N, C-alpha and C. Protein backbone atom coordinates (compact mmCIF):
# COMPACT_ATOMS: atom_id res chain seq x y z
N MET A 1 94.94 105.35 129.29
CA MET A 1 94.36 104.37 128.39
C MET A 1 95.20 103.13 128.38
N SER A 2 94.59 102.02 128.05
CA SER A 2 95.31 100.77 127.96
C SER A 2 96.11 100.71 126.67
N SER A 3 96.92 99.67 126.55
CA SER A 3 97.74 99.52 125.35
C SER A 3 97.04 98.63 124.32
N SER A 4 95.72 98.70 124.27
CA SER A 4 94.96 97.88 123.33
C SER A 4 95.24 98.31 121.89
N ASN A 5 94.85 97.44 120.96
CA ASN A 5 95.07 97.74 119.55
C ASN A 5 94.32 99.01 119.15
N PRO A 6 94.92 99.81 118.31
CA PRO A 6 94.24 101.01 117.80
C PRO A 6 92.98 100.62 117.04
N SER A 7 91.94 101.43 117.14
CA SER A 7 90.70 101.14 116.43
C SER A 7 90.09 102.40 115.85
N ILE A 8 89.24 102.18 114.84
CA ILE A 8 88.53 103.25 114.16
C ILE A 8 87.05 102.93 114.28
N GLU A 9 86.26 103.88 114.78
CA GLU A 9 84.84 103.65 114.99
C GLU A 9 83.99 104.80 114.46
N PHE A 10 82.95 104.44 113.71
CA PHE A 10 81.90 105.38 113.35
C PHE A 10 80.75 105.26 114.35
N PHE A 11 80.58 104.04 114.89
CA PHE A 11 79.53 103.73 115.84
C PHE A 11 80.13 103.09 117.08
N VAL A 12 79.55 103.36 118.22
CA VAL A 12 80.06 102.89 119.50
C VAL A 12 80.28 101.38 119.47
N GLY A 13 81.50 100.96 119.77
CA GLY A 13 81.81 99.55 119.90
C GLY A 13 82.00 98.78 118.61
N LEU A 14 81.90 99.42 117.45
CA LEU A 14 82.09 98.74 116.17
C LEU A 14 83.38 99.21 115.52
N SER A 15 84.43 98.44 115.70
CA SER A 15 85.71 98.78 115.09
C SER A 15 85.67 98.43 113.61
N GLU A 16 86.07 99.38 112.79
CA GLU A 16 86.09 99.18 111.35
C GLU A 16 87.50 98.87 110.89
N GLU A 17 87.62 98.19 109.75
CA GLU A 17 88.92 97.82 109.21
C GLU A 17 89.31 98.74 108.07
N LEU A 18 90.37 99.48 108.27
CA LEU A 18 90.88 100.43 107.29
C LEU A 18 91.59 99.68 106.17
N GLU A 19 91.26 100.00 104.94
CA GLU A 19 91.87 99.36 103.78
C GLU A 19 93.07 100.15 103.26
N ASN A 20 92.94 101.49 103.23
CA ASN A 20 93.99 102.32 102.65
C ASN A 20 93.90 103.74 103.21
N VAL A 21 95.02 104.44 103.19
CA VAL A 21 95.07 105.83 103.63
C VAL A 21 95.89 106.61 102.60
N SER A 22 95.40 107.78 102.24
CA SER A 22 96.11 108.67 101.34
C SER A 22 96.25 110.02 102.03
N LEU A 23 97.47 110.54 102.07
CA LEU A 23 97.75 111.82 102.72
C LEU A 23 98.10 112.86 101.67
N ARG A 24 97.52 114.05 101.84
CA ARG A 24 97.79 115.14 100.89
C ARG A 24 97.88 116.47 101.64
N GLN A 25 98.53 117.45 100.98
CA GLN A 25 98.56 118.80 101.52
C GLN A 25 98.30 119.77 100.39
N ASN A 26 97.34 120.68 100.60
CA ASN A 26 97.03 121.70 99.62
C ASN A 26 98.18 122.70 99.58
N LYS A 27 98.79 122.86 98.42
CA LYS A 27 99.96 123.74 98.29
C LYS A 27 99.61 125.21 98.54
N ASP A 28 98.39 125.60 98.22
CA ASP A 28 97.98 126.99 98.38
C ASP A 28 97.61 127.34 99.83
N THR A 29 96.84 126.45 100.49
CA THR A 29 96.34 126.75 101.83
C THR A 29 97.14 126.10 102.94
N GLY A 30 97.87 125.04 102.61
CA GLY A 30 98.60 124.30 103.64
C GLY A 30 97.75 123.29 104.39
N VAL A 31 96.45 123.26 104.10
CA VAL A 31 95.55 122.32 104.78
C VAL A 31 95.90 120.90 104.36
N ARG A 32 96.01 120.04 105.34
CA ARG A 32 96.32 118.63 105.08
C ARG A 32 95.03 117.84 105.09
N SER A 33 94.96 116.87 104.18
CA SER A 33 93.78 116.02 104.14
C SER A 33 94.20 114.56 104.18
N VAL A 34 93.33 113.77 104.76
CA VAL A 34 93.52 112.34 104.90
C VAL A 34 92.31 111.67 104.28
N LEU A 35 92.54 110.78 103.33
CA LEU A 35 91.44 110.01 102.74
C LEU A 35 91.58 108.58 103.22
N MET A 36 90.65 108.16 104.07
CA MET A 36 90.62 106.80 104.58
C MET A 36 89.64 106.00 103.74
N THR A 37 90.08 104.83 103.27
CA THR A 37 89.23 103.99 102.44
C THR A 37 88.94 102.68 103.17
N PHE A 38 87.68 102.30 103.19
CA PHE A 38 87.23 101.05 103.81
C PHE A 38 86.55 100.22 102.74
N LYS A 39 86.83 98.92 102.68
CA LYS A 39 86.13 98.04 101.72
C LYS A 39 84.74 97.69 102.24
N THR A 40 84.62 97.62 103.54
CA THR A 40 83.34 97.31 104.17
C THR A 40 83.17 98.18 105.40
N LEU A 41 81.95 98.31 105.85
CA LEU A 41 81.66 98.94 107.14
C LEU A 41 80.73 98.00 107.89
N LYS A 42 81.13 97.56 109.06
CA LYS A 42 80.30 96.67 109.86
C LYS A 42 78.93 97.29 110.11
N ALA A 43 78.92 98.59 110.32
CA ALA A 43 77.67 99.28 110.60
C ALA A 43 76.68 99.14 109.45
N LEU A 44 77.15 99.19 108.22
CA LEU A 44 76.27 99.04 107.06
C LEU A 44 75.88 97.59 106.84
N GLU A 45 76.84 96.68 107.00
CA GLU A 45 76.58 95.27 106.76
C GLU A 45 75.49 94.73 107.67
N LYS A 46 75.50 95.16 108.90
CA LYS A 46 74.55 94.62 109.88
C LYS A 46 73.45 95.61 110.22
N PHE A 47 73.33 96.66 109.43
CA PHE A 47 72.37 97.73 109.69
C PHE A 47 72.50 98.26 111.11
N GLN A 48 73.73 98.27 111.59
CA GLN A 48 73.99 98.74 112.95
C GLN A 48 73.69 100.22 113.11
N SER A 49 73.68 100.93 112.02
CA SER A 49 73.44 102.36 112.12
C SER A 49 72.07 102.66 112.72
N PHE A 50 71.18 101.69 112.68
CA PHE A 50 69.85 101.88 113.24
C PHE A 50 69.74 101.37 114.68
N THR A 51 70.71 100.55 115.10
CA THR A 51 70.60 99.94 116.43
C THR A 51 71.71 100.38 117.38
N GLN A 52 72.77 100.94 116.89
CA GLN A 52 73.89 101.35 117.71
C GLN A 52 73.91 102.87 117.85
N LYS A 53 74.41 103.32 118.98
CA LYS A 53 74.59 104.76 119.19
C LYS A 53 75.73 105.25 118.31
N THR A 54 75.52 106.36 117.64
CA THR A 54 76.58 106.95 116.82
C THR A 54 77.27 108.06 117.59
N TYR A 55 78.52 108.27 117.28
CA TYR A 55 79.26 109.37 117.87
C TYR A 55 78.89 110.68 117.17
N GLY A 56 78.49 110.61 115.90
CA GLY A 56 78.28 111.80 115.11
C GLY A 56 79.57 112.27 114.47
N ASP A 57 80.63 111.54 114.72
CA ASP A 57 81.93 111.83 114.15
C ASP A 57 82.73 110.54 114.08
N LEU A 58 83.96 110.63 113.66
CA LEU A 58 84.85 109.49 113.58
C LEU A 58 85.72 109.47 114.83
N ARG A 59 85.87 108.30 115.43
CA ARG A 59 86.69 108.18 116.62
C ARG A 59 87.88 107.28 116.31
N LEU A 60 89.06 107.78 116.60
CA LEU A 60 90.30 107.03 116.44
C LEU A 60 90.83 106.79 117.85
N ILE A 61 90.95 105.53 118.23
CA ILE A 61 91.26 105.19 119.61
C ILE A 61 92.57 104.40 119.65
N ASP A 62 93.50 104.84 120.50
CA ASP A 62 94.75 104.10 120.67
C ASP A 62 95.24 104.27 122.10
N SER A 63 96.44 103.81 122.38
CA SER A 63 96.99 103.84 123.73
C SER A 63 97.18 105.25 124.26
N GLU A 64 97.22 106.23 123.38
CA GLU A 64 97.40 107.62 123.77
C GLU A 64 96.07 108.30 124.12
N GLY A 65 94.96 107.70 123.71
CA GLY A 65 93.66 108.28 123.98
C GLY A 65 92.74 108.19 122.78
N GLU A 66 91.82 109.14 122.69
CA GLU A 66 90.85 109.16 121.61
C GLU A 66 90.95 110.46 120.83
N ILE A 67 90.82 110.32 119.52
CA ILE A 67 90.72 111.48 118.64
C ILE A 67 89.30 111.47 118.12
N SER A 68 88.61 112.57 118.24
CA SER A 68 87.25 112.70 117.72
C SER A 68 87.27 113.76 116.64
N ILE A 69 86.88 113.37 115.43
CA ILE A 69 86.96 114.31 114.31
C ILE A 69 85.75 114.14 113.41
N GLU A 70 85.21 115.27 112.97
CA GLU A 70 84.09 115.25 112.03
C GLU A 70 84.64 115.17 110.61
N PRO A 71 84.25 114.14 109.87
CA PRO A 71 84.73 114.03 108.48
C PRO A 71 84.30 115.21 107.64
N ALA A 72 85.19 115.64 106.73
CA ALA A 72 84.84 116.68 105.77
C ALA A 72 83.87 116.13 104.74
N SER A 73 84.01 114.83 104.44
CA SER A 73 83.07 114.17 103.54
C SER A 73 83.11 112.67 103.80
N LEU A 74 82.03 112.01 103.46
CA LEU A 74 81.90 110.57 103.58
C LEU A 74 81.14 110.08 102.36
N LYS A 75 81.80 109.28 101.52
CA LYS A 75 81.18 108.75 100.31
C LYS A 75 81.02 107.25 100.44
N ILE A 76 79.82 106.76 100.21
CA ILE A 76 79.55 105.34 100.18
C ILE A 76 79.31 104.98 98.73
N ILE A 77 80.18 104.16 98.17
CA ILE A 77 80.17 103.87 96.73
C ILE A 77 79.67 102.45 96.50
N TYR A 78 78.56 102.36 95.76
CA TYR A 78 77.96 101.08 95.42
C TYR A 78 78.18 100.78 93.95
N GLY A 79 78.13 99.50 93.60
CA GLY A 79 78.29 99.09 92.20
C GLY A 79 77.73 97.69 92.03
N GLY A 80 78.27 96.97 91.08
CA GLY A 80 77.79 95.64 90.78
C GLY A 80 76.67 95.66 89.77
N ASP A 81 76.21 94.48 89.39
CA ASP A 81 75.17 94.36 88.37
C ASP A 81 73.89 95.11 88.73
N ASP A 82 73.48 95.00 89.99
CA ASP A 82 72.25 95.65 90.43
C ASP A 82 72.51 97.00 91.10
N GLY A 83 73.78 97.36 91.23
CA GLY A 83 74.12 98.64 91.85
C GLY A 83 73.97 98.66 93.35
N ASP A 84 73.84 97.47 93.96
CA ASP A 84 73.65 97.44 95.41
C ASP A 84 74.78 96.74 96.17
N ASP A 85 75.92 96.50 95.50
CA ASP A 85 77.09 95.92 96.16
C ASP A 85 77.98 97.05 96.65
N LEU A 86 78.34 97.00 97.92
CA LEU A 86 79.24 98.01 98.47
C LEU A 86 80.62 97.82 97.87
N ILE A 87 81.12 98.85 97.21
CA ILE A 87 82.45 98.82 96.61
C ILE A 87 83.48 99.33 97.61
N ARG A 88 83.21 100.49 98.19
CA ARG A 88 84.11 101.07 99.18
C ARG A 88 83.43 102.26 99.86
N VAL A 89 84.02 102.66 100.97
CA VAL A 89 83.60 103.87 101.68
C VAL A 89 84.82 104.75 101.80
N GLU A 90 84.68 106.01 101.41
CA GLU A 90 85.77 106.98 101.49
C GLU A 90 85.43 108.05 102.52
N CYS A 91 86.30 108.19 103.48
CA CYS A 91 86.11 109.17 104.54
C CYS A 91 87.26 110.18 104.48
N LYS A 92 86.92 111.44 104.20
CA LYS A 92 87.95 112.48 104.08
C LYS A 92 87.98 113.34 105.34
N LEU A 93 89.18 113.51 105.88
CA LEU A 93 89.40 114.36 107.04
C LEU A 93 90.28 115.53 106.61
N GLU A 94 90.03 116.70 107.16
CA GLU A 94 90.87 117.86 106.90
C GLU A 94 91.48 118.32 108.21
N ILE A 95 92.80 118.49 108.20
CA ILE A 95 93.53 118.84 109.42
C ILE A 95 94.17 120.21 109.22
N TYR A 96 93.87 121.12 110.12
CA TYR A 96 94.33 122.50 109.99
C TYR A 96 95.50 122.84 110.92
N ARG A 97 95.59 122.16 112.05
CA ARG A 97 96.61 122.50 113.04
C ARG A 97 97.73 121.48 113.05
N GLU A 98 98.94 121.95 113.23
CA GLU A 98 100.13 121.08 113.23
C GLU A 98 100.07 120.04 114.35
N ASP A 99 99.66 120.44 115.56
CA ASP A 99 99.61 119.48 116.67
C ASP A 99 98.56 118.39 116.42
N HIS A 100 97.46 118.73 115.75
CA HIS A 100 96.45 117.73 115.40
C HIS A 100 97.01 116.77 114.35
N TRP A 101 97.75 117.31 113.38
CA TRP A 101 98.38 116.48 112.35
C TRP A 101 99.36 115.50 112.98
N GLU A 102 100.19 115.98 113.89
CA GLU A 102 101.18 115.11 114.54
C GLU A 102 100.50 114.00 115.33
N ARG A 103 99.42 114.33 116.03
CA ARG A 103 98.69 113.32 116.80
C ARG A 103 98.06 112.29 115.87
N LEU A 104 97.47 112.75 114.77
CA LEU A 104 96.87 111.83 113.80
C LEU A 104 97.93 110.90 113.22
N MET A 105 99.09 111.42 112.91
CA MET A 105 100.16 110.59 112.35
C MET A 105 100.62 109.54 113.36
N ARG A 106 100.68 109.89 114.64
CA ARG A 106 101.04 108.89 115.66
C ARG A 106 100.00 107.78 115.67
N PHE A 107 98.72 108.14 115.60
CA PHE A 107 97.67 107.12 115.55
C PHE A 107 97.84 106.23 114.31
N LEU A 108 98.02 106.85 113.13
CA LEU A 108 98.14 106.09 111.89
C LEU A 108 99.32 105.13 111.93
N HIS A 109 100.43 105.55 112.51
CA HIS A 109 101.59 104.67 112.63
C HIS A 109 101.28 103.48 113.54
N ARG A 110 100.60 103.75 114.66
CA ARG A 110 100.22 102.66 115.56
C ARG A 110 99.24 101.70 114.89
N TYR A 111 98.26 102.27 114.19
CA TYR A 111 97.26 101.44 113.50
C TYR A 111 97.95 100.58 112.44
N ALA A 112 98.82 101.18 111.65
CA ALA A 112 99.53 100.45 110.60
C ALA A 112 100.36 99.32 111.18
N GLU A 113 101.08 99.60 112.24
CA GLU A 113 101.92 98.58 112.86
C GLU A 113 101.07 97.43 113.41
N ALA A 114 99.97 97.75 114.05
CA ALA A 114 99.10 96.72 114.65
C ALA A 114 98.38 95.88 113.60
N ASN A 115 98.22 96.43 112.38
CA ASN A 115 97.44 95.74 111.35
C ASN A 115 98.25 95.32 110.13
N GLY A 116 99.56 95.32 110.25
CA GLY A 116 100.43 94.85 109.18
C GLY A 116 100.39 95.70 107.92
N MET A 117 100.18 96.99 108.08
CA MET A 117 100.16 97.89 106.94
C MET A 117 101.52 98.56 106.82
N GLY A 118 101.86 99.02 105.61
CA GLY A 118 103.12 99.70 105.39
C GLY A 118 102.91 101.03 104.69
N TYR A 119 103.95 101.84 104.70
CA TYR A 119 103.92 103.18 104.11
C TYR A 119 104.67 103.15 102.78
N GLN A 120 104.11 103.82 101.80
CA GLN A 120 104.76 103.89 100.50
C GLN A 120 104.60 105.29 99.93
N GLU A 121 105.73 105.91 99.55
CA GLU A 121 105.69 107.21 98.88
C GLU A 121 105.14 107.00 97.48
N LYS A 122 104.23 107.84 97.07
CA LYS A 122 103.67 107.74 95.73
C LYS A 122 104.74 108.11 94.70
N GLY A 123 104.92 107.21 93.74
CA GLY A 123 105.83 107.49 92.64
C GLY A 123 107.29 107.25 92.91
N THR A 124 107.67 106.80 94.13
CA THR A 124 109.08 106.59 94.40
C THR A 124 109.51 105.16 94.19
N GLY A 125 108.55 104.23 94.23
CA GLY A 125 108.89 102.82 94.09
C GLY A 125 109.43 102.24 95.38
N GLN A 126 109.50 103.06 96.45
CA GLN A 126 109.98 102.58 97.73
C GLN A 126 108.80 102.26 98.63
N GLY A 127 109.07 101.52 99.68
CA GLY A 127 108.03 101.17 100.63
C GLY A 127 107.62 99.73 100.47
N THR A 128 106.52 99.37 101.08
CA THR A 128 106.08 97.98 101.02
C THR A 128 105.21 97.77 99.81
N GLU A 129 105.20 96.56 99.34
CA GLU A 129 104.35 96.21 98.21
C GLU A 129 103.32 95.20 98.64
N ASP A 130 102.16 95.22 97.99
CA ASP A 130 101.09 94.28 98.31
C ASP A 130 101.41 92.89 97.82
């Protein structure tokens, strides 16, 4: 693969812009989850979901290759006066295997670096600030 910027796609050729990522691990099961938040989705804004081919899953593409993963859930949250303004989209991924987790973390680090994002531990006061 080339060294192009990392991208996130729900639909072929439509790179989406990630707003936030939250990482968690279930203490009982050990299953790790990733909650990706998007303020907008190009596919929804332009009704691309009707004109573009979908993968049927989420594709994370970077210099190391492609990760194809089916979201555990996808919530599209609307609000505003008429209830038709897109507030955010939440995409939850569940990761069961350690090697998959490590690969996902490498992607997230590349994506963050390419897009000026920083890491912050919850409740520590350390990390980057907005």
